[in-house]
């Protein structure tokens, strides 16, 4: 559990760095999609 949180936060940090090159709307969409993927992954992981 802890490892996945570290990985997802590292992904979010790298997206924040990438945000300097793209506009805020694109960043918001990427971040939102990333959160959905992480959420769905955790739900499917818990169900196993």
C-alpha atoms as a PDB file:
ATOM      1  CA  UNK A   1       0.000   0.000   0.000  1.00  0.00           C
ATOM      2  CA  UNK A   2       2.720   2.463   1.045  1.00  0.00           C
ATOM      3  CA  UNK A   3       4.782   1.660  -2.042  1.00  0.00           C
ATOM      4  CA  UNK A   4       1.885   2.497  -4.377  1.00  0.00           C
ATOM      5  CA  UNK A   5       1.335   5.828  -2.607  1.00  0.00           C
ATOM      6  CA  UNK A   6       5.005   6.713  -3.077  1.00  0.00           C
ATOM      7  CA  UNK A   7       4.859   5.755  -6.770  1.00  0.00           C
ATOM      8  CA  UNK A   8       1.671   7.740  -7.411  1.00  0.00           C
ATOM      9  CA  UNK A   9       3.032  10.803  -5.596  1.00  0.00           C
ATOM     10  CA  UNK A  10       6.256  10.547  -7.619  1.00  0.00           C
ATOM     11  CA  UNK A  11       4.141  10.472 -10.799  1.00  0.00           C
ATOM     12  CA  UNK A  12       2.202  13.545  -9.638  1.00  0.00           C
ATOM     13  CA  UNK A  13       5.456  15.386  -8.847  1.00  0.00           C
ATOM     14  CA  UNK A  14       6.827  14.635 -12.325  1.00  0.00           C
ATOM     15  CA  UNK A  15       3.546  15.893 -13.833  1.00  0.00           C
ATOM     16  CA  UNK A  16       3.898  19.091 -11.782  1.00  0.00           C
ATOM     17  CA  UNK A  17       7.375  19.588 -13.253  1.00  0.00           C
ATOM     18  CA  UNK A  18       5.942  18.894 -16.719  1.00  0.00           C
ATOM     19  CA  UNK A  19       3.281  21.536 -16.025  1.00  0.00           C
ATOM     20  CA  UNK A  20       5.886  24.240 -16.627  1.00  0.00           C
ATOM     21  CA  UNK A  21       5.852  23.265 -20.333  1.00  0.00           C
ATOM     22  CA  UNK A  22       2.070  22.894 -20.807  1.00  0.00           C
ATOM     23  CA  UNK A  23      -0.926  25.025 -19.869  1.00  0.00           C
ATOM     24  CA  UNK A  24      -3.002  24.555 -16.730  1.00  0.00           C
ATOM     25  CA  UNK A  25      -6.011  23.007 -18.488  1.00  0.00           C
ATOM     26  CA  UNK A  26      -3.937  20.187 -19.962  1.00  0.00           C
ATOM     27  CA  UNK A  27      -2.288  19.655 -16.578  1.00  0.00           C
ATOM     28  CA  UNK A  28      -5.674  19.436 -14.881  1.00  0.00           C
ATOM     29  CA  UNK A  29      -6.902  16.836 -17.407  1.00  0.00           C
ATOM     30  CA  UNK A  30      -3.740  14.730 -17.070  1.00  0.00           C
ATOM     31  CA  UNK A  31      -3.869  14.923 -13.280  1.00  0.00           C
ATOM     32  CA  UNK A  32      -7.567  13.988 -13.248  1.00  0.00           C
ATOM     33  CA  UNK A  33      -7.020  10.996 -15.558  1.00  0.00           C
ATOM     34  CA  UNK A  34      -4.005   9.938 -13.478  1.00  0.00           C
ATOM     35  CA  UNK A  35      -6.084  10.028 -10.289  1.00  0.00           C
ATOM     36  CA  UNK A  36      -8.862   7.969 -11.924  1.00  0.00           C
ATOM     37  CA  UNK A  37      -6.335   5.350 -13.088  1.00  0.00           C
ATOM     38  CA  UNK A  38      -4.762   5.138  -9.620  1.00  0.00           C
ATOM     39  CA  UNK A  39      -8.219   4.899  -8.027  1.00  0.00           C
ATOM     40  CA  UNK A  40      -9.406   2.145 -10.390  1.00  0.00           C
ATOM     41  CA  UNK A  41      -6.123   0.281  -9.900  1.00  0.00           C
ATOM     42  CA  UNK A  42      -6.495   0.395  -6.106  1.00  0.00           C
ATOM     43  CA  UNK A  43     -10.132  -0.749  -6.278  1.00  0.00           C
ATOM     44  CA  UNK A  44      -9.283  -3.709  -8.515  1.00  0.00           C
ATOM     45  CA  UNK A  45      -6.275  -4.509  -6.285  1.00  0.00           C
ATOM     46  CA  UNK A  46      -8.463  -4.548  -3.157  1.00  0.00           C
ATOM     47  CA  UNK A  47     -11.052  -6.814  -4.817  1.00  0.00           C
ATOM     48  CA  UNK A  48      -8.465  -9.532  -5.536  1.00  0.00           C
END
